[in-house]
Amino acid sequence: MTTTAVRRAKPHLTGLAVTALGVAVAYLLSTAVPVLSALTLAVVLGVLAGSLPVLSDGTRQAIAKVTKKLLRAGVVLLGLQLALPSVLSLGPGTLLAVVLTVGLTFLGTLGLGRLIGVPRGLAMLVATGFSICGASAIAAMEGVVEREDSDVATAVALVTFYGGLAIAAVPLLGGWLGMDALRIGGWAGLGVHEVAQVVAAATPAGTAAVAVAVVVKLSRVVLLAPMVAAVSVHERRRHPSAGGKRAPLVPLFVLGFLAMVAVRSTGILPGVALDVAKVVCTLLLAGALFGLGCAVRIGTLVRTGGRALLLGLLSTLLVGTLAYTALALLG
């Protein structure tokens, strides 16, 4: 390898090493404290790493390039966590409650964002994360909408903060409202943002509540692909290409996600393979969010704080109220 080739490869190797280190730290911390999502920790570490002057422009560009590849691969593998027979076992009433809650939360959050003056890109990411599955959904949606890099970090921070509050609120309010264990589990699965947060919120009600909560939560994740595809089509129509190659109507990684859902639903994969795929998926998405975090400037993040916090609060109240009402009427 020539000296020129080594010089060109150095930023890419450094970018990969920095990303790998950030992912390793995030994953180990999340293992030690399961309530903290590896994806959330990754974006926080990315923001901190991006604020350090030691990263060269070449290294930052290298991290940005690898980010998109990691993101798409992670979303594809996310499909292996979903088995359609388990989701269908919830029954038509609960499934209708899921669809209505997700759809109304998404649209309602967009409307609230417009009302209080939150940038459209940030409102779109918050709407996706709060209505479907937190940081994973934000990571999937960020590639198809116009947004600032700081919007991704802000949306993940909001998911973490308000999801953490929901861990305490759901069991307390559930007991006060006279809900039994299965109802609390359903409410947690339908109204709390991250999978880890859902488990933590349902745990005080017992193992049966946790089992229901996880299945209901995964039924929300099923809607990630159609929502990303619908937004992609809408964005394509909002900003038609002036010429040259156009992006596909449905992103290829969304089709890959659906293919993995189909594979999981056949039941042909052994449990060990699914466990490995889950870990790999987490590592890939953590790497993607670390890379996105590296592009964030803290000053920009701080300036969006007040309105973003208000949007997160209103969206949390919206999804919690819709989930409770939908389950009471349909579940």
C-alpha atoms as a PDB file:
ATOM      1  CA  MET A   1       0.000   0.000   0.000  1.00  0.00           C
ATOM      2  CA  THR A   2       1.423   3.357  -1.005  1.00  0.00           C
ATOM      3  CA  THR A   3       1.836   6.307   1.329  1.00  0.00           C
ATOM      4  CA  THR A   4      -1.017   8.129  -0.458  1.00  0.00           C
ATOM      5  CA  ALA A   5      -3.348   5.147  -0.024  1.00  0.00           C
ATOM      6  CA  VAL A   6      -2.469   4.906   3.669  1.00  0.00           C
ATOM      7  CA  ARG A   7      -3.159   8.623   4.102  1.00  0.00           C
ATOM      8  CA  ARG A   8      -6.558   8.261   2.420  1.00  0.00           C
ATOM      9  CA  ALA A   9      -7.481   5.157   4.408  1.00  0.00           C
ATOM     10  CA  LYS A  10      -6.481   6.596   7.783  1.00  0.00           C
ATOM     11  CA  PRO A  11      -9.637   8.725   8.370  1.00  0.00           C
ATOM     12  CA  HIS A  12     -11.866   5.752   7.449  1.00  0.00           C
ATOM     13  CA  LEU A  13     -10.035   3.402   9.789  1.00  0.00           C
ATOM     14  CA  THR A  14     -10.105   6.006  12.545  1.00  0.00           C
ATOM     15  CA  GLY A  15     -13.828   6.579  11.963  1.00  0.00           C
ATOM     16  CA  LEU A  16     -14.546   2.860  12.196  1.00  0.00           C
ATOM     17  CA  ALA A  17     -12.443   2.567  15.354  1.00  0.00           C
ATOM     18  CA  VAL A  18     -14.170   5.535  17.032  1.00  0.00           C
ATOM     19  CA  THR A  19     -17.612   4.181  16.098  1.00  0.00           C
ATOM     20  CA  ALA A  20     -16.733   0.677  17.328  1.00  0.00           C
ATOM     21  CA  LEU A  21     -15.488   2.096  20.627  1.00  0.00           C
ATOM     22  CA  GLY A  22     -18.631   4.168  21.104  1.00  0.00           C
ATOM     23  CA  VAL A  23     -20.863   1.170  20.365  1.00  0.00           C
ATOM     24  CA  ALA A  24     -18.904  -1.075  22.745  1.00  0.00           C
ATOM     25  CA  VAL A  25     -19.189   1.419  25.598  1.00  0.00           C
ATOM     26  CA  ALA A  26     -22.912   1.980  24.957  1.00  0.00           C
ATOM     27  CA  TYR A  27     -23.645  -1.750  24.804  1.00  0.00           C
ATOM     28  CA  LEU A  28     -21.703  -2.564  27.965  1.00  0.00           C
ATOM     29  CA  LEU A  29     -23.407   0.259  29.877  1.00  0.00           C
ATOM     30  CA  SER A  30     -26.849  -0.894  28.713  1.00  0.00           C
ATOM     31  CA  THR A  31     -26.019  -4.435  29.814  1.00  0.00           C
ATOM     32  CA  ALA A  32     -25.093  -3.163  33.269  1.00  0.00           C
ATOM     33  CA  VAL A  33     -28.200  -0.916  33.467  1.00  0.00           C
ATOM     34  CA  PRO A  34     -30.903  -2.584  31.292  1.00  0.00           C
ATOM     35  CA  VAL A  35     -33.355   0.315  31.631  1.00  0.00           C
ATOM     36  CA  LEU A  36     -30.914   2.444  29.622  1.00  0.00           C
ATOM     37  CA  SER A  37     -31.169   1.623  25.934  1.00  0.00           C
ATOM     38  CA  ALA A  38     -27.908   1.009  24.064  1.00  0.00           C
ATOM     39  CA  LEU A  39     -29.312   3.177  21.256  1.00  0.00           C
ATOM     40  CA  THR A  40     -29.922   6.107  23.587  1.00  0.00           C
ATOM     41  CA  LEU A  41     -26.483   5.787  25.141  1.00  0.00           C
ATOM     42  CA  ALA A  42     -24.908   5.561  21.693  1.00  0.00           C
ATOM     43  CA  VAL A  43     -26.384   8.845  20.500  1.00  0.00           C
ATOM     44  CA  VAL A  44     -25.362  10.580  23.746  1.00  0.00           C
ATOM     45  CA  LEU A  45     -21.814   9.279  23.407  1.00  0.00           C
ATOM     46  CA  GLY A  46     -21.827  10.353  19.768  1.00  0.00           C
ATOM     47  CA  VAL A  47     -22.814  13.898  20.690  1.00  0.00           C
ATOM     48  CA  LEU A  48     -20.029  14.002  23.285  1.00  0.00           C
ATOM     49  CA  ALA A  49     -17.472  12.559  20.852  1.00  0.00           C
ATOM     50  CA  GLY A  50     -18.537  14.982  18.138  1.00  0.00           C
ATOM     51  CA  SER A  51     -17.923  17.896  20.491  1.00  0.00           C
ATOM     52  CA  LEU A  52     -14.267  16.935  20.948  1.00  0.00           C
ATOM     53  CA  PRO A  53     -11.779  18.832  18.783  1.00  0.00           C
ATOM     54  CA  VAL A  54      -9.655  15.693  18.266  1.00  0.00           C
ATOM     55  CA  LEU A  55     -11.869  14.342  15.455  1.00  0.00           C
ATOM     56  CA  SER A  56     -10.662  15.571  12.076  1.00  0.00           C
ATOM     57  CA  ASP A  57     -13.033  16.538   9.271  1.00  0.00           C
ATOM     58  CA  GLY A  58     -11.969  13.422   7.386  1.00  0.00           C
ATOM     59  CA  THR A  59     -12.830  11.213  10.347  1.00  0.00           C
ATOM     60  CA  ARG A  60     -16.225  12.883  10.725  1.00  0.00           C
ATOM     61  CA  GLN A  61     -16.954  12.331   7.030  1.00  0.00           C
ATOM     62  CA  ALA A  62     -15.921   8.684   7.343  1.00  0.00           C
ATOM     63  CA  ILE A  63     -18.247   8.202  10.312  1.00  0.00           C
ATOM     64  CA  ALA A  64     -21.079   9.831   8.362  1.00  0.00           C
ATOM     65  CA  LYS A  65     -20.555   7.440   5.428  1.00  0.00           C
ATOM     66  CA  VAL A  66     -20.635   4.303   7.553  1.00  0.00           C
ATOM     67  CA  THR A  67     -23.644   5.567   9.502  1.00  0.00           C
ATOM     68  CA  LYS A  68     -26.150   5.099   6.664  1.00  0.00           C
ATOM     69  CA  LYS A  69     -24.962   1.565   5.937  1.00  0.00           C
ATOM     70  CA  LEU A  70     -25.196   0.551   9.586  1.00  0.00           C
ATOM     71  CA  LEU A  71     -28.627   2.124   9.866  1.00  0.00           C
ATOM     72  CA  ARG A  72     -30.142   0.284   6.933  1.00  0.00           C
ATOM     73  CA  ALA A  73     -28.654  -3.055   7.937  1.00  0.00           C
ATOM     74  CA  GLY A  74     -29.931  -2.598  11.498  1.00  0.00           C
ATOM     75  CA  VAL A  75     -33.475  -1.806  10.396  1.00  0.00           C
ATOM     76  CA  VAL A  76     -33.496  -4.882   8.156  1.00  0.00           C
ATOM     77  CA  LEU A  77     -32.467  -7.145  11.056  1.00  0.00           C
ATOM     78  CA  LEU A  78     -35.071  -5.505  13.279  1.00  0.00           C
ATOM     79  CA  GLY A  79     -37.644  -7.439  11.248  1.00  0.00           C
ATOM     80  CA  LEU A  80     -36.390 -10.711  12.766  1.00  0.00           C
ATOM     81  CA  GLN A  81     -37.787  -9.636  16.138  1.00  0.00           C
ATOM     82  CA  LEU A  82     -41.353  -9.747  14.792  1.00  0.00           C
ATOM     83  CA  ALA A  83     -43.412 -12.906  14.380  1.00  0.00           C
ATOM     84  CA  LEU A  84     -46.803 -12.196  12.816  1.00  0.00           C
ATOM     85  CA  PRO A  85     -48.572 -15.179  14.499  1.00  0.00           C
ATOM     86  CA  SER A  86     -47.748 -13.704  17.931  1.00  0.00           C
ATOM     87  CA  VAL A  87     -49.072 -10.323  16.872  1.00  0.00           C
ATOM     88  CA  LEU A  88     -52.270 -11.777  15.371  1.00  0.00           C
ATOM     89  CA  SER A  89     -52.927 -13.694  18.597  1.00  0.00           C
ATOM     90  CA  LEU A  90     -53.809 -10.392  20.268  1.00  0.00           C
ATOM     91  CA  GLY A  91     -57.202 -10.431  18.547  1.00  0.00           C
ATOM     92  CA  PRO A  92     -58.913  -7.934  16.237  1.00  0.00           C
ATOM     93  CA  GLY A  93     -59.966  -5.536  19.002  1.00  0.00           C
ATOM     94  CA  THR A  94     -56.474  -5.036  20.390  1.00  0.00           C
ATOM     95  CA  LEU A  95     -54.961  -4.836  16.910  1.00  0.00           C
ATOM     96  CA  LEU A  96     -57.442  -2.130  15.966  1.00  0.00           C
ATOM     97  CA  ALA A  97     -56.529  -0.310  19.177  1.00  0.00           C
ATOM     98  CA  VAL A  98     -52.856  -0.500  18.160  1.00  0.00           C
ATOM     99  CA  VAL A  99     -53.479   0.863  14.663  1.00  0.00           C
ATOM    100  CA  LEU A 100     -55.668   3.709  15.915  1.00  0.00           C
ATOM    101  CA  THR A 101     -53.281   4.665  18.714  1.00  0.00           C
ATOM    102  CA  VAL A 102     -50.225   4.670  16.454  1.00  0.00           C
ATOM    103  CA  GLY A 103     -51.943   6.557  13.638  1.00  0.00           C
ATOM    104  CA  LEU A 104     -53.586   9.182  15.827  1.00  0.00           C
ATOM    105  CA  THR A 105     -50.437   9.705  17.910  1.00  0.00           C
ATOM    106  CA  PHE A 106     -48.368  10.202  14.764  1.00  0.00           C
ATOM    107  CA  LEU A 107     -50.763  12.662  13.164  1.00  0.00           C
ATOM    108  CA  GLY A 108     -51.557  14.369  16.455  1.00  0.00           C
ATOM    109  CA  THR A 109     -47.887  14.908  17.275  1.00  0.00           C
ATOM    110  CA  LEU A 110     -47.281  16.420  13.845  1.00  0.00           C
ATOM    111  CA  GLY A 111     -50.201  18.783  14.428  1.00  0.00           C
ATOM    112  CA  LEU A 112     -48.937  19.724  17.899  1.00  0.00           C
ATOM    113  CA  GLY A 113     -45.454  20.337  16.501  1.00  0.00           C
ATOM    114  CA  ARG A 114     -46.868  22.688  13.892  1.00  0.00           C
ATOM    115  CA  LEU A 115     -48.972  24.438  16.539  1.00  0.00           C
ATOM    116  CA  ILE A 116     -46.072  25.191  18.889  1.00  0.00           C
ATOM    117  CA  GLY A 117     -43.543  25.961  16.154  1.00  0.00           C
ATOM    118  CA  VAL A 118     -41.281  22.896  16.251  1.00  0.00           C
ATOM    119  CA  PRO A 119     -39.331  22.321  12.988  1.00  0.00           C
ATOM    120  CA  ARG A 120     -41.059  19.829  10.709  1.00  0.00           C
ATOM    121  CA  GLY A 121     -38.145  17.383  10.657  1.00  0.00           C
ATOM    122  CA  LEU A 122     -37.963  17.203  14.439  1.00  0.00           C
ATOM    123  CA  ALA A 123     -41.745  16.877  14.758  1.00  0.00           C
ATOM    124  CA  MET A 124     -41.708  14.008  12.244  1.00  0.00           C
ATOM    125  CA  LEU A 125     -39.013  12.148  14.197  1.00  0.00           C
ATOM    126  CA  VAL A 126     -40.743  12.696  17.535  1.00  0.00           C
ATOM    127  CA  ALA A 127     -44.058  11.559  16.055  1.00  0.00           C
ATOM    128  CA  THR A 128     -42.451   8.366  14.747  1.00  0.00           C
ATOM    129  CA  GLY A 129     -40.502   7.566  17.885  1.00  0.00           C
ATOM    130  CA  PHE A 130     -43.348   8.216  20.297  1.00  0.00           C
ATOM    131  CA  SER A 131     -45.994   6.411  18.243  1.00  0.00           C
ATOM    132  CA  ILE A 132     -43.999   3.284  17.312  1.00  0.00           C
ATOM    133  CA  CYS A 133     -40.770   2.180  18.987  1.00  0.00           C
ATOM    134  CA  GLY A 134     -38.561   4.981  20.194  1.00  0.00           C
ATOM    135  CA  ALA A 135     -34.988   5.314  18.984  1.00  0.00           C
ATOM    136  CA  SER A 136     -35.245   2.436  16.473  1.00  0.00           C
ATOM    137  CA  ALA A 137     -38.147   4.134  14.710  1.00  0.00           C
ATOM    138  CA  ILE A 138     -36.359   7.476  14.770  1.00  0.00           C
ATOM    139  CA  ALA A 139     -33.317   5.835  13.190  1.00  0.00           C
ATOM    140  CA  ALA A 140     -35.466   4.330  10.438  1.00  0.00           C
ATOM    141  CA  MET A 141     -37.367   7.539   9.698  1.00  0.00           C
ATOM    142  CA  GLU A 142     -34.427   9.947   9.704  1.00  0.00           C
ATOM    143  CA  GLY A 143     -33.247   8.662   6.359  1.00  0.00           C
ATOM    144  CA  VAL A 144     -36.412   9.595   4.462  1.00  0.00           C
ATOM    145  CA  VAL A 145     -37.255  13.062   5.830  1.00  0.00           C
ATOM    146  CA  GLU A 146     -35.533  16.427   5.685  1.00  0.00           C
ATOM    147  CA  ARG A 147     -34.076  17.082   9.128  1.00  0.00           C
ATOM    148  CA  GLU A 148     -31.085  18.542  10.922  1.00  0.00           C
ATOM    149  CA  ASP A 149     -28.597  16.195  12.566  1.00  0.00           C
ATOM    150  CA  SER A 150     -29.463  17.780  15.910  1.00  0.00           C
ATOM    151  CA  ASP A 151     -33.112  16.762  15.393  1.00  0.00           C
ATOM    152  CA  VAL A 152     -32.158  13.079  15.692  1.00  0.00           C
ATOM    153  CA  ALA A 153     -30.337  13.602  18.987  1.00  0.00           C
ATOM    154  CA  THR A 154     -33.173  15.743  20.330  1.00  0.00           C
ATOM    155  CA  ALA A 155     -35.832  13.165  19.408  1.00  0.00           C
ATOM    156  CA  VAL A 156     -33.878  10.320  21.037  1.00  0.00           C
ATOM    157  CA  ALA A 157     -33.327  12.437  24.154  1.00  0.00           C
ATOM    158  CA  LEU A 158     -37.068  13.115  24.384  1.00  0.00           C
ATOM    159  CA  VAL A 159     -37.876   9.404  23.999  1.00  0.00           C
ATOM    160  CA  THR A 160     -35.450   8.620  26.805  1.00  0.00           C
ATOM    161  CA  PHE A 161     -36.691  11.314  29.169  1.00  0.00           C
ATOM    162  CA  TYR A 162     -40.434  10.839  28.796  1.00  0.00           C
ATOM    163  CA  GLY A 163     -40.165   7.069  28.472  1.00  0.00           C
ATOM    164  CA  GLY A 164     -38.304   7.084  31.780  1.00  0.00           C
ATOM    165  CA  LEU A 165     -41.138   9.022  33.402  1.00  0.00           C
ATOM    166  CA  ALA A 166     -43.647   6.549  31.965  1.00  0.00           C
ATOM    167  CA  ILE A 167     -41.842   3.645  33.686  1.00  0.00           C
ATOM    168  CA  ALA A 168     -42.986   5.047  37.029  1.00  0.00           C
ATOM    169  CA  ALA A 169     -46.291   6.544  35.885  1.00  0.00           C
ATOM    170  CA  VAL A 170     -47.885   3.484  34.202  1.00  0.00           C
ATOM    171  CA  PRO A 171     -47.908   1.104  37.210  1.00  0.00           C
ATOM    172  CA  LEU A 172     -48.864   3.900  39.612  1.00  0.00           C
ATOM    173  CA  LEU A 173     -51.722   5.222  37.475  1.00  0.00           C
ATOM    174  CA  GLY A 174     -52.762   1.700  36.503  1.00  0.00           C
ATOM    175  CA  GLY A 175     -53.242   0.751  40.152  1.00  0.00           C
ATOM    176  CA  TRP A 176     -55.049   4.008  40.892  1.00  0.00           C
ATOM    177  CA  LEU A 177     -57.394   3.413  37.946  1.00  0.00           C
ATOM    178  CA  GLY A 178     -58.135  -0.132  39.127  1.00  0.00           C
ATOM    179  CA  MET A 179     -56.555  -1.869  36.138  1.00  0.00           C
ATOM    180  CA  ASP A 180     -55.620  -5.547  36.491  1.00  0.00           C
ATOM    181  CA  ALA A 181     -52.186  -6.905  35.570  1.00  0.00           C
ATOM    182  CA  LEU A 182     -53.038  -7.727  31.949  1.00  0.00           C
ATOM    183  CA  ARG A 183     -54.564  -4.292  31.377  1.00  0.00           C
ATOM    184  CA  ILE A 184     -51.480  -2.609  32.815  1.00  0.00           C
ATOM    185  CA  GLY A 185     -49.319  -4.741  30.521  1.00  0.00           C
ATOM    186  CA  GLY A 186     -51.404  -3.797  27.500  1.00  0.00           C
ATOM    187  CA  TRP A 187     -51.296  -0.121  28.437  1.00  0.00           C
ATOM    188  CA  ALA A 188     -47.513  -0.225  28.862  1.00  0.00           C
ATOM    189  CA  GLY A 189     -47.080  -1.968  25.506  1.00  0.00           C
ATOM    190  CA  LEU A 190     -49.300   0.510  23.707  1.00  0.00           C
ATOM    191  CA  GLY A 191     -48.352   3.732  25.477  1.00  0.00           C
ATOM    192  CA  VAL A 192     -44.637   3.560  26.376  1.00  0.00           C
ATOM    193  CA  HIS A 193     -41.908   4.337  23.851  1.00  0.00           C
ATOM    194  CA  GLU A 194     -38.879   1.981  24.021  1.00  0.00           C
ATOM    195  CA  VAL A 195     -39.062  -1.817  24.382  1.00  0.00           C
ATOM    196  CA  ALA A 196     -36.827  -1.739  27.473  1.00  0.00           C
ATOM    197  CA  GLN A 197     -39.035   0.963  28.988  1.00  0.00           C
ATOM    198  CA  VAL A 198     -42.136  -1.109  28.250  1.00  0.00           C
ATOM    199  CA  VAL A 199     -40.685  -4.096  30.107  1.00  0.00           C
ATOM    200  CA  ALA A 200     -39.672  -1.916  33.058  1.00  0.00           C
ATOM    201  CA  ALA A 201     -43.122  -0.288  33.231  1.00  0.00           C
ATOM    202  CA  ALA A 202     -44.964  -3.629  33.165  1.00  0.00           C
ATOM    203  CA  THR A 203     -42.649  -5.513  35.569  1.00  0.00           C
ATOM    204  CA  PRO A 204     -44.304  -4.322  38.816  1.00  0.00           C
ATOM    205  CA  ALA A 205     -47.576  -5.914  37.622  1.00  0.00           C
ATOM    206  CA  GLY A 206     -45.954  -9.353  37.168  1.00  0.00           C
ATOM    207  CA  THR A 207     -44.657 -11.688  34.465  1.00  0.00           C
ATOM    208  CA  ALA A 208     -48.047 -12.036  32.740  1.00  0.00           C
ATOM    209  CA  ALA A 209     -48.214  -8.255  32.331  1.00  0.00           C
ATOM    210  CA  VAL A 210     -44.703  -8.202  30.857  1.00  0.00           C
ATOM    211  CA  ALA A 211     -45.601 -10.930  28.339  1.00  0.00           C
ATOM    212  CA  VAL A 212     -48.669  -9.000  27.151  1.00  0.00           C
ATOM    213  CA  ALA A 213     -46.746  -5.715  27.106  1.00  0.00           C
ATOM    214  CA  VAL A 214     -43.991  -7.095  24.858  1.00  0.00           C
ATOM    215  CA  VAL A 215     -46.394  -8.614  22.312  1.00  0.00           C
ATOM    216  CA  VAL A 216     -48.468  -5.421  22.145  1.00  0.00           C
ATOM    217  CA  LYS A 217     -45.289  -3.376  21.790  1.00  0.00           C
ATOM    218  CA  LEU A 218     -44.049  -5.546  18.917  1.00  0.00           C
ATOM    219  CA  SER A 219     -47.407  -5.132  17.199  1.00  0.00           C
ATOM    220  CA  ARG A 220     -46.629  -1.407  17.083  1.00  0.00           C
ATOM    221  CA  VAL A 221     -43.217  -2.161  15.560  1.00  0.00           C
ATOM    222  CA  VAL A 222     -44.958  -3.997  12.690  1.00  0.00           C
ATOM    223  CA  LEU A 223     -46.311  -0.611  11.614  1.00  0.00           C
ATOM    224  CA  LEU A 224     -42.817   0.855  11.238  1.00  0.00           C
ATOM    225  CA  ALA A 225     -42.376  -0.343   7.647  1.00  0.00           C
ATOM    226  CA  PRO A 226     -45.689   0.955   6.255  1.00  0.00           C
ATOM    227  CA  MET A 227     -45.246   4.273   8.065  1.00  0.00           C
ATOM    228  CA  VAL A 228     -41.710   4.837   6.751  1.00  0.00           C
ATOM    229  CA  ALA A 229     -42.835   3.811   3.264  1.00  0.00           C
ATOM    230  CA  ALA A 230     -45.837   6.177   3.381  1.00  0.00           C
ATOM    231  CA  VAL A 231     -43.701   9.094   4.554  1.00  0.00           C
ATOM    232  CA  SER A 232     -41.109   8.289   1.882  1.00  0.00           C
ATOM    233  CA  VAL A 233     -43.784   8.470  -0.825  1.00  0.00           C
ATOM    234  CA  HIS A 234     -45.126  11.721   0.625  1.00  0.00           C
ATOM    235  CA  GLU A 235     -41.646  13.282   0.763  1.00  0.00           C
ATOM    236  CA  ARG A 236     -41.019  12.204  -2.815  1.00  0.00           C
ATOM    237  CA  ARG A 237     -44.161  14.051  -3.903  1.00  0.00           C
ATOM    238  CA  ARG A 238     -43.316  17.133  -1.818  1.00  0.00           C
ATOM    239  CA  HIS A 239     -39.877  17.414  -3.385  1.00  0.00           C
ATOM    240  CA  PRO A 240     -39.974  15.874  -6.858  1.00  0.00           C
ATOM    241  CA  SER A 241     -36.560  15.332  -8.347  1.00  0.00           C
ATOM    242  CA  ALA A 242     -35.536  17.925 -10.894  1.00  0.00           C
ATOM    243  CA  GLY A 243     -33.674  15.291 -12.855  1.00  0.00           C
ATOM    244  CA  GLY A 244     -31.263  12.430 -12.585  1.00  0.00           C
ATOM    245  CA  LYS A 245     -31.759   9.285 -10.556  1.00  0.00           C
ATOM    246  CA  ARG A 246     -34.780   9.283  -8.243  1.00  0.00           C
ATOM    247  CA  ALA A 247     -34.989   7.473  -4.944  1.00  0.00           C
ATOM    248  CA  PRO A 248     -37.188   4.352  -4.927  1.00  0.00           C
ATOM    249  CA  LEU A 249     -40.819   4.754  -3.876  1.00  0.00           C
ATOM    250  CA  VAL A 250     -40.205   2.366  -0.996  1.00  0.00           C
ATOM    251  CA  PRO A 251     -36.657   2.346   0.432  1.00  0.00           C
ATOM    252  CA  LEU A 252     -34.902  -0.979  -0.095  1.00  0.00           C
ATOM    253  CA  PHE A 253     -34.156  -1.345   3.611  1.00  0.00           C
ATOM    254  CA  VAL A 254     -37.903  -1.218   4.319  1.00  0.00           C
ATOM    255  CA  LEU A 255     -38.446  -4.086   1.880  1.00  0.00           C
ATOM    256  CA  GLY A 256     -35.623  -5.922   3.639  1.00  0.00           C
ATOM    257  CA  PHE A 257     -37.348  -5.331   6.972  1.00  0.00           C
ATOM    258  CA  LEU A 258     -40.570  -6.859   5.620  1.00  0.00           C
ATOM    259  CA  ALA A 259     -38.647  -9.820   4.211  1.00  0.00           C
ATOM    260  CA  MET A 260     -37.114 -10.514   7.626  1.00  0.00           C
ATOM    261  CA  VAL A 261     -40.561 -10.325   9.255  1.00  0.00           C
ATOM    262  CA  ALA A 262     -41.711 -12.976   6.766  1.00  0.00           C
ATOM    263  CA  VAL A 263     -38.693 -15.169   7.545  1.00  0.00           C
ATOM    264  CA  ARG A 264     -39.257 -14.885  11.314  1.00  0.00           C
ATOM    265  CA  SER A 265     -42.943 -15.683  10.898  1.00  0.00           C
ATOM    266  CA  THR A 266     -42.137 -19.027   9.229  1.00  0.00           C
ATOM    267  CA  GLY A 267     -40.564 -20.263  12.454  1.00  0.00           C
ATOM    268  CA  ILE A 268     -37.635 -21.876  10.630  1.00  0.00           C
ATOM    269  CA  LEU A 269     -34.904 -19.953  12.462  1.00  0.00           C
ATOM    270  CA  PRO A 270     -33.601 -21.478  15.710  1.00  0.00           C
ATOM    271  CA  GLY A 271     -33.681 -19.476  18.910  1.00  0.00           C
ATOM    272  CA  VAL A 272     -29.897 -19.109  18.992  1.00  0.00           C
ATOM    273  CA  ALA A 273     -29.903 -17.461  15.558  1.00  0.00           C
ATOM    274  CA  LEU A 274     -32.635 -15.042  16.633  1.00  0.00           C
ATOM    275  CA  ASP A 275     -30.726 -14.127  19.793  1.00  0.00           C
ATOM    276  CA  VAL A 276     -27.580 -13.427  17.802  1.00  0.00           C
ATOM    277  CA  ALA A 277     -29.535 -11.400  15.239  1.00  0.00           C
ATOM    278  CA  LYS A 278     -31.066  -9.308  18.042  1.00  0.00           C
ATOM    279  CA  VAL A 279     -27.647  -8.437  19.445  1.00  0.00           C
ATOM    280  CA  VAL A 280     -26.243  -7.657  15.990  1.00  0.00           C
ATOM    281  CA  CYS A 281     -29.277  -5.477  15.227  1.00  0.00           C
ATOM    282  CA  THR A 282     -28.720  -3.511  18.438  1.00  0.00           C
ATOM    283  CA  LEU A 283     -25.027  -3.034  17.640  1.00  0.00           C
ATOM    284  CA  LEU A 284     -25.743  -1.869  14.085  1.00  0.00           C
ATOM    285  CA  LEU A 285     -28.395   0.639  15.150  1.00  0.00           C
ATOM    286  CA  ALA A 286     -26.191   1.827  18.014  1.00  0.00           C
ATOM    287  CA  GLY A 287     -23.386   2.436  15.517  1.00  0.00           C
ATOM    288  CA  ALA A 288     -25.726   4.397  13.284  1.00  0.00           C
ATOM    289  CA  LEU A 289     -26.987   6.576  16.119  1.00  0.00           C
ATOM    290  CA  PHE A 290     -23.455   7.128  17.406  1.00  0.00           C
ATOM    291  CA  GLY A 291     -22.529   8.405  13.958  1.00  0.00           C
ATOM    292  CA  LEU A 292     -25.546  10.689  13.839  1.00  0.00           C
ATOM    293  CA  GLY A 293     -24.662  11.989  17.279  1.00  0.00           C
ATOM    294  CA  CYS A 294     -21.139  12.861  16.131  1.00  0.00           C
ATOM    295  CA  ALA A 295     -22.605  15.298  13.604  1.00  0.00           C
ATOM    296  CA  VAL A 296     -24.599  17.174  16.257  1.00  0.00           C
ATOM    297  CA  ARG A 297     -23.542  20.533  17.638  1.00  0.00           C
ATOM    298  CA  ILE A 298     -24.579  20.988  21.268  1.00  0.00           C
ATOM    299  CA  GLY A 299     -25.296  24.703  20.800  1.00  0.00           C
ATOM    300  CA  THR A 300     -27.924  23.925  18.151  1.00  0.00           C
ATOM    301  CA  LEU A 301     -29.347  21.176  20.362  1.00  0.00           C
ATOM    302  CA  VAL A 302     -29.770  23.540  23.311  1.00  0.00           C
ATOM    303  CA  ARG A 303     -31.510  26.198  21.226  1.00  0.00           C
ATOM    304  CA  THR A 304     -34.343  23.786  20.323  1.00  0.00           C
ATOM    305  CA  GLY A 305     -34.854  22.697  23.937  1.00  0.00           C
ATOM    306  CA  GLY A 306     -37.993  24.450  25.240  1.00  0.00           C
ATOM    307  CA  ARG A 307     -40.436  23.764  22.433  1.00  0.00           C
ATOM    308  CA  ALA A 308     -39.075  20.273  21.919  1.00  0.00           C
ATOM    309  CA  LEU A 309     -39.633  19.451  25.597  1.00  0.00           C
ATOM    310  CA  LEU A 310     -43.194  20.716  25.343  1.00  0.00           C
ATOM    311  CA  LEU A 311     -43.825  18.621  22.243  1.00  0.00           C
ATOM    312  CA  GLY A 312     -42.456  15.533  23.994  1.00  0.00           C
ATOM    313  CA  LEU A 313     -44.715  16.120  26.992  1.00  0.00           C
ATOM    314  CA  LEU A 314     -47.820  16.665  24.872  1.00  0.00           C
ATOM    315  CA  SER A 315     -47.045  13.639  22.683  1.00  0.00           C
ATOM    316  CA  THR A 316     -46.534  11.437  25.755  1.00  0.00           C
ATOM    317  CA  LEU A 317     -49.859  12.538  27.212  1.00  0.00           C
ATOM    318  CA  LEU A 318     -51.491  11.978  23.837  1.00  0.00           C
ATOM    319  CA  VAL A 319     -50.220   8.422  23.323  1.00  0.00           C
ATOM    320  CA  GLY A 320     -50.960   7.492  26.941  1.00  0.00           C
ATOM    321  CA  THR A 321     -54.525   8.792  26.765  1.00  0.00           C
ATOM    322  CA  LEU A 322     -55.210   7.241  23.365  1.00  0.00           C
ATOM    323  CA  ALA A 323     -53.766   3.896  24.462  1.00  0.00           C
ATOM    324  CA  TYR A 324     -55.866   3.798  27.626  1.00  0.00           C
ATOM    325  CA  THR A 325     -59.055   4.804  25.793  1.00  0.00           C
ATOM    326  CA  ALA A 326     -58.507   2.437  22.859  1.00  0.00           C
ATOM    327  CA  LEU A 327     -57.851  -0.544  25.118  1.00  0.00           C
ATOM    328  CA  ALA A 328     -60.856   0.285  27.268  1.00  0.00           C
ATOM    329  CA  LEU A 329     -63.144   0.402  24.226  1.00  0.00           C
ATOM    330  CA  LEU A 330     -61.587  -2.223  21.963  1.00  0.00           C
ATOM    331  CA  GLY A 331     -58.963  -4.321  23.774  1.00  0.00           C
END
